[in-house]
Amino acid sequence: MIRKRRVHGLGAYVLRHPAAAVPLIRAGFKLRRRRWWHHVPFLPLPDDDYWAFRQSTALGAQGGTLTPEEAVAAAVWSVRQGVGR
């Protein structure tokens, strides 16, 4: 199964701003699916339904996409909260 791109241009943004990779990885790991090693692809990715919920609550509408700047700002905020898995 091919996963949809979650945030358009995030890879290019991280190449231009390498310091953004650390909060993105830390926040992304907080969103991981429980028992992720039992699901293909064997990566710590969030469940599609959970990601859609988080994205709609962040954007206030369904079907929108986060800009790389919004994704990094949300990741920094998430890491600063100090709670999660």
PDB file of N, CA and C in Angstrom:
ATOM      1  N   MET A   1       0.835  -1.164   0.000  1.00  0.00           N
ATOM      2  CA  MET A   1       0.000   0.000   0.000  1.00  0.00           C
ATOM      3  C   MET A   1       0.892   1.243   0.000  1.00  0.00           C
ATOM      4  N   ILE A   2       0.607   2.167  -0.868  1.00  0.00           N
ATOM      5  CA  ILE A   2       1.360   3.407  -0.936  1.00  0.00           C
ATOM      6  C   ILE A   2       0.642   4.443  -0.085  1.00  0.00           C
ATOM      7  N   ARG A   3       1.374   5.046   0.832  1.00  0.00           N
ATOM      8  CA  ARG A   3       0.791   6.044   1.719  1.00  0.00           C
ATOM      9  C   ARG A   3       0.774   7.395   1.014  1.00  0.00           C
ATOM     10  N   LYS A   4      -0.280   8.162   1.276  1.00  0.00           N
ATOM     11  CA  LYS A   4      -0.400   9.487   0.695  1.00  0.00           C
ATOM     12  C   LYS A   4       0.615  10.427   1.330  1.00  0.00           C
ATOM     13  N   ARG A   5       1.003  11.439   0.561  1.00  0.00           N
ATOM     14  CA  ARG A   5       1.868  12.459   1.147  1.00  0.00           C
ATOM     15  C   ARG A   5       1.075  13.206   2.194  1.00  0.00           C
ATOM     16  N   ARG A   6       1.629  13.371   3.366  1.00  0.00           N
ATOM     17  CA  ARG A   6       0.909  13.968   4.479  1.00  0.00           C
ATOM     18  C   ARG A   6       1.076  15.476   4.521  1.00  0.00           C
ATOM     19  N   VAL A   7       2.233  15.967   4.251  1.00  0.00           N
ATOM     20  CA  VAL A   7       2.484  17.398   4.216  1.00  0.00           C
ATOM     21  C   VAL A   7       3.305  17.665   2.968  1.00  0.00           C
ATOM     22  N   HIS A   8       2.779  18.475   2.075  1.00  0.00           N
ATOM     23  CA  HIS A   8       3.430  18.722   0.797  1.00  0.00           C
ATOM     24  C   HIS A   8       4.682  19.571   0.983  1.00  0.00           C
ATOM     25  N   GLY A   9       5.780  19.114   0.440  1.00  0.00           N
ATOM     26  CA  GLY A   9       7.024  19.866   0.450  1.00  0.00           C
ATOM     27  C   GLY A   9       7.792  19.825   1.757  1.00  0.00           C
ATOM     28  N   LEU A  10       7.417  18.951   2.677  1.00  0.00           N
ATOM     29  CA  LEU A  10       8.090  18.907   3.966  1.00  0.00           C
ATOM     30  C   LEU A  10       9.535  18.444   3.828  1.00  0.00           C
ATOM     31  N   GLY A  11       9.786  17.490   2.958  1.00  0.00           N
ATOM     32  CA  GLY A  11      11.162  17.011   2.747  1.00  0.00           C
ATOM     33  C   GLY A  11      12.074  18.115   2.237  1.00  0.00           C
ATOM     34  N   ALA A  12      11.596  18.892   1.275  1.00  0.00           N
ATOM     35  CA  ALA A  12      12.392  20.005   0.748  1.00  0.00           C
ATOM     36  C   ALA A  12      12.615  21.066   1.816  1.00  0.00           C
ATOM     37  N   TYR A  13      11.602  21.301   2.641  1.00  0.00           N
ATOM     38  CA  TYR A  13      11.733  22.275   3.726  1.00  0.00           C
ATOM     39  C   TYR A  13      12.808  21.834   4.717  1.00  0.00           C
ATOM     40  N   VAL A  14      12.810  20.547   5.071  1.00  0.00           N
ATOM     41  CA  VAL A  14      13.795  20.043   6.028  1.00  0.00           C
ATOM     42  C   VAL A  14      15.202  20.099   5.432  1.00  0.00           C
ATOM     43  N   LEU A  15      15.337  19.892   4.133  1.00  0.00           N
ATOM     44  CA  LEU A  15      16.656  20.013   3.506  1.00  0.00           C
ATOM     45  C   LEU A  15      17.173  21.448   3.600  1.00  0.00           C
ATOM     46  N   ARG A  16      16.270  22.419   3.484  1.00  0.00           N
ATOM     47  CA  ARG A  16      16.677  23.831   3.596  1.00  0.00           C
ATOM     48  C   ARG A  16      16.860  24.261   5.050  1.00  0.00           C
ATOM     49  N   HIS A  17      16.122  23.627   5.980  1.00  0.00           N
ATOM     50  CA  HIS A  17      16.168  23.967   7.407  1.00  0.00           C
ATOM     51  C   HIS A  17      16.397  22.685   8.214  1.00  0.00           C
ATOM     52  N   PRO A  18      17.629  22.177   8.250  1.00  0.00           N
ATOM     53  CA  PRO A  18      17.884  20.886   8.895  1.00  0.00           C
ATOM     54  C   PRO A  18      17.546  20.848  10.386  1.00  0.00           C
ATOM     55  N   ALA A  19      17.572  21.970  11.067  1.00  0.00           N
ATOM     56  CA  ALA A  19      17.244  21.984  12.499  1.00  0.00           C
ATOM     57  C   ALA A  19      15.783  21.625  12.737  1.00  0.00           C
ATOM     58  N   ALA A  20      14.938  21.765  11.728  1.00  0.00           N
ATOM     59  CA  ALA A  20      13.518  21.428  11.863  1.00  0.00           C
ATOM     60  C   ALA A  20      13.294  19.924  11.929  1.00  0.00           C
ATOM     61  N   ALA A  21      14.286  19.139  11.554  1.00  0.00           N
ATOM     62  CA  ALA A  21      14.116  17.679  11.531  1.00  0.00           C
ATOM     63  C   ALA A  21      13.942  17.102  12.933  1.00  0.00           C
ATOM     64  N   VAL A  22      14.639  17.650  13.916  1.00  0.00           N
ATOM     65  CA  VAL A  22      14.591  17.088  15.271  1.00  0.00           C
ATOM     66  C   VAL A  22      13.191  17.191  15.875  1.00  0.00           C
ATOM     67  N   PRO A  23      12.571  18.391  15.918  1.00  0.00           N
ATOM     68  CA  PRO A  23      11.210  18.422  16.479  1.00  0.00           C
ATOM     69  C   PRO A  23      10.200  17.636  15.645  1.00  0.00           C
ATOM     70  N   LEU A  24      10.381  17.573  14.329  1.00  0.00           N
ATOM     71  CA  LEU A  24       9.460  16.798  13.495  1.00  0.00           C
ATOM     72  C   LEU A  24       9.541  15.314  13.820  1.00  0.00           C
ATOM     73  N   ILE A  25      10.743  14.805  14.003  1.00  0.00           N
ATOM     74  CA  ILE A  25      10.904  13.387  14.330  1.00  0.00           C
ATOM     75  C   ILE A  25      10.352  13.090  15.715  1.00  0.00           C
ATOM     76  N   ARG A  26      10.658  13.956  16.685  1.00  0.00           N
ATOM     77  CA  ARG A  26      10.172  13.724  18.055  1.00  0.00           C
ATOM     78  C   ARG A  26       8.651  13.794  18.123  1.00  0.00           C
ATOM     79  N   ALA A  27       8.050  14.793  17.471  1.00  0.00           N
ATOM     80  CA  ALA A  27       6.589  14.920  17.487  1.00  0.00           C
ATOM     81  C   ALA A  27       5.945  13.789  16.695  1.00  0.00           C
ATOM     82  N   GLY A  28       6.545  13.429  15.565  1.00  0.00           N
ATOM     83  CA  GLY A  28       6.010  12.329  14.773  1.00  0.00           C
ATOM     84  C   GLY A  28       6.018  11.013  15.517  1.00  0.00           C
ATOM     85  N   PHE A  29       7.045  10.802  16.333  1.00  0.00           N
ATOM     86  CA  PHE A  29       7.115   9.564  17.098  1.00  0.00           C
ATOM     87  C   PHE A  29       6.035   9.524  18.173  1.00  0.00           C
ATOM     88  N   LYS A  30       5.616  10.690  18.678  1.00  0.00           N
ATOM     89  CA  LYS A  30       4.514  10.742  19.642  1.00  0.00           C
ATOM     90  C   LYS A  30       3.192  10.320  19.001  1.00  0.00           C
ATOM     91  N   LEU A  31       3.041  10.581  17.701  1.00  0.00           N
ATOM     92  CA  LEU A  31       1.788  10.271  16.998  1.00  0.00           C
ATOM     93  C   LEU A  31       1.729   8.838  16.477  1.00  0.00           C
ATOM     94  N   ARG A  32       2.783   8.083  16.695  1.00  0.00           N
ATOM     95  CA  ARG A  32       2.857   6.745  16.100  1.00  0.00           C
ATOM     96  C   ARG A  32       1.695   5.854  16.540  1.00  0.00           C
ATOM     97  N   ARG A  33       1.385   4.924  15.687  1.00  0.00           N
ATOM     98  CA  ARG A  33       0.351   3.919  15.964  1.00  0.00           C
ATOM     99  C   ARG A  33       0.862   2.954  17.021  1.00  0.00           C
ATOM    100  N   ARG A  34      -0.019   2.559  17.917  1.00  0.00           N
ATOM    101  CA  ARG A  34       0.372   1.569  18.916  1.00  0.00           C
ATOM    102  C   ARG A  34       0.690   0.252  18.210  1.00  0.00           C
ATOM    103  N   ARG A  35       1.697  -0.416  18.703  1.00  0.00           N
ATOM    104  CA  ARG A  35       2.149  -1.691  18.126  1.00  0.00           C
ATOM    105  C   ARG A  35       2.428  -1.547  16.630  1.00  0.00           C
ATOM    106  N   TRP A  36       3.090  -0.456  16.246  1.00  0.00           N
ATOM    107  CA  TRP A  36       3.340  -0.147  14.848  1.00  0.00           C
ATOM    108  C   TRP A  36       4.178  -1.205  14.155  1.00  0.00           C
ATOM    109  N   TRP A  37       4.953  -1.964  14.905  1.00  0.00           N
ATOM    110  CA  TRP A  37       5.813  -2.981  14.294  1.00  0.00           C
ATOM    111  C   TRP A  37       5.017  -4.181  13.772  1.00  0.00           C
ATOM    112  N   HIS A  38       3.692  -4.222  14.040  1.00  0.00           N
ATOM    113  CA  HIS A  38       2.846  -5.300  13.535  1.00  0.00           C
ATOM    114  C   HIS A  38       2.092  -4.911  12.258  1.00  0.00           C
ATOM    115  N   HIS A  39       2.284  -3.687  11.765  1.00  0.00           N
ATOM    116  CA  HIS A  39       1.535  -3.195  10.611  1.00  0.00           C
ATOM    117  C   HIS A  39       2.485  -2.780   9.487  1.00  0.00           C
ATOM    118  N   VAL A  40       2.100  -3.113   8.281  1.00  0.00           N
ATOM    119  CA  VAL A  40       2.860  -2.720   7.101  1.00  0.00           C
ATOM    120  C   VAL A  40       2.511  -1.272   6.781  1.00  0.00           C
ATOM    121  N   PRO A  41       3.429  -0.410   6.424  1.00  0.00           N
ATOM    122  CA  PRO A  41       4.873  -0.571   6.462  1.00  0.00           C
ATOM    123  C   PRO A  41       5.350  -0.533   7.904  1.00  0.00           C
ATOM    124  N   PHE A  42       6.377  -1.238   8.210  1.00  0.00           N
ATOM    125  CA  PHE A  42       6.851  -1.399   9.581  1.00  0.00           C
ATOM    126  C   PHE A  42       7.616  -0.152  10.031  1.00  0.00           C
ATOM    127  N   LEU A  43       6.895   0.952  10.067  1.00  0.00           N
ATOM    128  CA  LEU A  43       7.442   2.246  10.454  1.00  0.00           C
ATOM    129  C   LEU A  43       6.542   2.864  11.522  1.00  0.00           C
ATOM    130  N   PRO A  44       7.091   3.677  12.401  1.00  0.00           N
ATOM    131  CA  PRO A  44       6.272   4.299  13.443  1.00  0.00           C
ATOM    132  C   PRO A  44       5.463   5.482  12.908  1.00  0.00           C
ATOM    133  N   LEU A  45       4.455   5.180  12.099  1.00  0.00           N
ATOM    134  CA  LEU A  45       3.601   6.201  11.495  1.00  0.00           C
ATOM    135  C   LEU A  45       2.240   6.227  12.183  1.00  0.00           C
ATOM    136  N   PRO A  46       1.560   7.383  12.144  1.00  0.00           N
ATOM    137  CA  PRO A  46       0.222   7.426  12.748  1.00  0.00           C
ATOM    138  C   PRO A  46      -0.801   6.690  11.883  1.00  0.00           C
ATOM    139  N   ASP A  47      -1.867   6.237  12.527  1.00  0.00           N
ATOM    140  CA  ASP A  47      -2.980   5.619  11.824  1.00  0.00           C
ATOM    141  C   ASP A  47      -3.628   6.666  10.913  1.00  0.00           C
ATOM    142  N   ASP A  48      -4.095   6.268   9.734  1.00  0.00           N
ATOM    143  CA  ASP A  48      -4.685   7.217   8.786  1.00  0.00           C
ATOM    144  C   ASP A  48      -5.890   7.951   9.369  1.00  0.00           C
ATOM    145  N   ASP A  49      -6.756   7.237  10.092  1.00  0.00           N
ATOM    146  CA  ASP A  49      -7.935   7.891  10.682  1.00  0.00           C
ATOM    147  C   ASP A  49      -7.525   8.901  11.752  1.00  0.00           C
ATOM    148  N   TYR A  50      -6.560   8.530  12.571  1.00  0.00           N
ATOM    149  CA  TYR A  50      -6.086   9.435  13.614  1.00  0.00           C
ATOM    150  C   TYR A  50      -5.424  10.661  13.000  1.00  0.00           C
ATOM    151  N   TRP A  51      -4.632  10.460  11.945  1.00  0.00           N
ATOM    152  CA  TRP A  51      -3.981  11.587  11.282  1.00  0.00           C
ATOM    153  C   TRP A  51      -5.022  12.517  10.664  1.00  0.00           C
ATOM    154  N   ALA A  52      -6.069  11.961  10.051  1.00  0.00           N
ATOM    155  CA  ALA A  52      -7.125  12.800   9.477  1.00  0.00           C
ATOM    156  C   ALA A  52      -7.817  13.625  10.568  1.00  0.00           C
ATOM    157  N   PHE A  53      -8.060  13.009  11.736  1.00  0.00           N
ATOM    158  CA  PHE A  53      -8.655  13.727  12.856  1.00  0.00           C
ATOM    159  C   PHE A  53      -7.743  14.855  13.325  1.00  0.00           C
ATOM    160  N   ARG A  54      -6.458  14.555  13.508  1.00  0.00           N
ATOM    161  CA  ARG A  54      -5.521  15.579  13.982  1.00  0.00           C
ATOM    162  C   ARG A  54      -5.395  16.713  12.983  1.00  0.00           C
ATOM    163  N   GLN A  55      -5.390  16.392  11.693  1.00  0.00           N
ATOM    164  CA  GLN A  55      -5.254  17.417  10.665  1.00  0.00           C
ATOM    165  C   GLN A  55      -6.510  18.283  10.588  1.00  0.00           C
ATOM    166  N   SER A  56      -7.687  17.662  10.709  1.00  0.00           N
ATOM    167  CA  SER A  56      -8.923  18.452  10.653  1.00  0.00           C
ATOM    168  C   SER A  56      -9.067  19.342  11.879  1.00  0.00           C
ATOM    169  N   THR A  57      -8.624  18.884  13.045  1.00  0.00           N
ATOM    170  CA  THR A  57      -8.694  19.744  14.226  1.00  0.00           C
ATOM    171  C   THR A  57      -7.669  20.866  14.147  1.00  0.00           C
ATOM    172  N   ALA A  58      -6.535  20.620  13.529  1.00  0.00           N
ATOM    173  CA  ALA A  58      -5.521  21.665  13.390  1.00  0.00           C
ATOM    174  C   ALA A  58      -5.941  22.714  12.370  1.00  0.00           C
ATOM    175  N   LEU A  59      -6.573  22.275  11.297  1.00  0.00           N
ATOM    176  CA  LEU A  59      -6.924  23.193  10.214  1.00  0.00           C
ATOM    177  C   LEU A  59      -8.360  23.700  10.294  1.00  0.00           C
ATOM    178  N   GLY A  60      -9.183  23.055  11.087  1.00  0.00           N
ATOM    179  CA  GLY A  60     -10.571  23.477  11.194  1.00  0.00           C
ATOM    180  C   GLY A  60     -11.452  23.008  10.054  1.00  0.00           C
ATOM    181  N   ALA A  61     -10.942  22.199   9.154  1.00  0.00           N
ATOM    182  CA  ALA A  61     -11.727  21.686   8.032  1.00  0.00           C
ATOM    183  C   ALA A  61     -11.098  20.376   7.566  1.00  0.00           C
ATOM    184  N   GLN A  62     -11.897  19.547   6.960  1.00  0.00           N
ATOM    185  CA  GLN A  62     -11.376  18.294   6.431  1.00  0.00           C
ATOM    186  C   GLN A  62     -10.848  18.509   5.016  1.00  0.00           C
ATOM    187  N   GLY A  63      -9.860  17.721   4.654  1.00  0.00           N
ATOM    188  CA  GLY A  63      -9.338  17.757   3.298  1.00  0.00           C
ATOM    189  C   GLY A  63      -8.231  18.761   3.081  1.00  0.00           C
ATOM    190  N   GLY A  64      -7.890  19.567   4.069  1.00  0.00           N
ATOM    191  CA  GLY A  64      -6.816  20.529   3.908  1.00  0.00           C
ATOM    192  C   GLY A  64      -5.461  19.876   4.100  1.00  0.00           C
ATOM    193  N   THR A  65      -4.427  20.601   3.762  1.00  0.00           N
ATOM    194  CA  THR A  65      -3.077  20.112   3.985  1.00  0.00           C
ATOM    195  C   THR A  65      -2.294  21.166   4.749  1.00  0.00           C
ATOM    196  N   LEU A  66      -1.394  20.713   5.567  1.00  0.00           N
ATOM    197  CA  LEU A  66      -0.530  21.607   6.321  1.00  0.00           C
ATOM    198  C   LEU A  66       0.612  22.090   5.441  1.00  0.00           C
ATOM    199  N   THR A  67       0.990  23.340   5.614  1.00  0.00           N
ATOM    200  CA  THR A  67       2.206  23.826   4.963  1.00  0.00           C
ATOM    201  C   THR A  67       3.387  23.330   5.794  1.00  0.00           C
ATOM    202  N   PRO A  68       4.572  23.280   5.218  1.00  0.00           N
ATOM    203  CA  PRO A  68       5.725  22.855   6.010  1.00  0.00           C
ATOM    204  C   PRO A  68       5.945  23.731   7.245  1.00  0.00           C
ATOM    205  N   GLU A  69       5.718  25.023   7.120  1.00  0.00           N
ATOM    206  CA  GLU A  69       5.896  25.922   8.257  1.00  0.00           C
ATOM    207  C   GLU A  69       4.911  25.592   9.373  1.00  0.00           C
ATOM    208  N   GLU A  70       3.662  25.286   9.011  1.00  0.00           N
ATOM    209  CA  GLU A  70       2.657  24.914  10.009  1.00  0.00           C
ATOM    210  C   GLU A  70       3.011  23.584  10.675  1.00  0.00           C
ATOM    211  N   ALA A  71       3.517  22.651   9.889  1.00  0.00           N
ATOM    212  CA  ALA A  71       3.897  21.349  10.445  1.00  0.00           C
ATOM    213  C   ALA A  71       5.042  21.490  11.438  1.00  0.00           C
ATOM    214  N   VAL A  72       6.026  22.314  11.119  1.00  0.00           N
ATOM    215  CA  VAL A  72       7.151  22.516  12.022  1.00  0.00           C
ATOM    216  C   VAL A  72       6.691  23.247  13.279  1.00  0.00           C
ATOM    217  N   ALA A  73       5.849  24.261  13.130  1.00  0.00           N
ATOM    218  CA  ALA A  73       5.341  24.990  14.300  1.00  0.00           C
ATOM    219  C   ALA A  73       4.545  24.057  15.215  1.00  0.00           C
ATOM    220  N   ALA A  74       3.731  23.191  14.640  1.00  0.00           N
ATOM    221  CA  ALA A  74       2.958  22.236  15.438  1.00  0.00           C
ATOM    222  C   ALA A  74       3.887  21.225  16.118  1.00  0.00           C
ATOM    223  N   ALA A  75       4.927  20.804  15.434  1.00  0.00           N
ATOM    224  CA  ALA A  75       5.871  19.853  16.023  1.00  0.00           C
ATOM    225  C   ALA A  75       6.626  20.483  17.185  1.00  0.00           C
ATOM    226  N   VAL A  76       7.059  21.719  17.018  1.00  0.00           N
ATOM    227  CA  VAL A  76       7.760  22.415  18.102  1.00  0.00           C
ATOM    228  C   VAL A  76       6.833  22.566  19.298  1.00  0.00           C
ATOM    229  N   TRP A  77       5.592  22.944  19.062  1.00  0.00           N
ATOM    230  CA  TRP A  77       4.619  23.071  20.143  1.00  0.00           C
ATOM    231  C   TRP A  77       4.418  21.729  20.851  1.00  0.00           C
ATOM    232  N   SER A  78       4.285  20.670  20.088  1.00  0.00           N
ATOM    233  CA  SER A  78       4.059  19.343  20.671  1.00  0.00           C
ATOM    234  C   SER A  78       5.234  18.906  21.540  1.00  0.00           C
ATOM    235  N   VAL A  79       6.433  19.139  21.072  1.00  0.00           N
ATOM    236  CA  VAL A  79       7.618  18.752  21.834  1.00  0.00           C
ATOM    237  C   VAL A  79       7.723  19.574  23.117  1.00  0.00           C
ATOM    238  N   ARG A  80       7.380  20.842  23.054  1.00  0.00           N
ATOM    239  CA  ARG A  80       7.454  21.699  24.247  1.00  0.00           C
ATOM    240  C   ARG A  80       6.427  21.317  25.306  1.00  0.00           C
ATOM    241  N   GLN A  81       5.346  20.668  24.919  1.00  0.00           N
ATOM    242  CA  GLN A  81       4.326  20.285  25.885  1.00  0.00           C
ATOM    243  C   GLN A  81       4.827  19.228  26.861  1.00  0.00           C
ATOM    244  N   GLY A  82       5.737  18.403  26.400  1.00  0.00           N
ATOM    245  CA  GLY A  82       6.346  17.408  27.286  1.00  0.00           C
ATOM    246  C   GLY A  82       5.426  16.272  27.710  1.00  0.00           C
ATOM    247  N   VAL A  83       4.309  16.096  27.056  1.00  0.00           N
ATOM    248  CA  VAL A  83       3.419  14.992  27.366  1.00  0.00           C
ATOM    249  C   VAL A  83       3.294  14.103  26.133  1.00  0.00           C
ATOM    250  N   GLY A  84       2.754  12.951  26.298  1.00  0.00           N
ATOM    251  CA  GLY A  84       2.574  12.038  25.168  1.00  0.00           C
ATOM    252  C   GLY A  84       3.115  10.680  25.519  1.00  0.00           C
ATOM    253  N   ARG A  85       3.234   9.863  24.528  1.00  0.00           N
ATOM    254  CA  ARG A  85       3.686   8.483  24.753  1.00  0.00           C
ATOM    255  C   ARG A  85       5.112   8.417  25.153  1.00  0.00           C
TER     256      ARG A  85
END
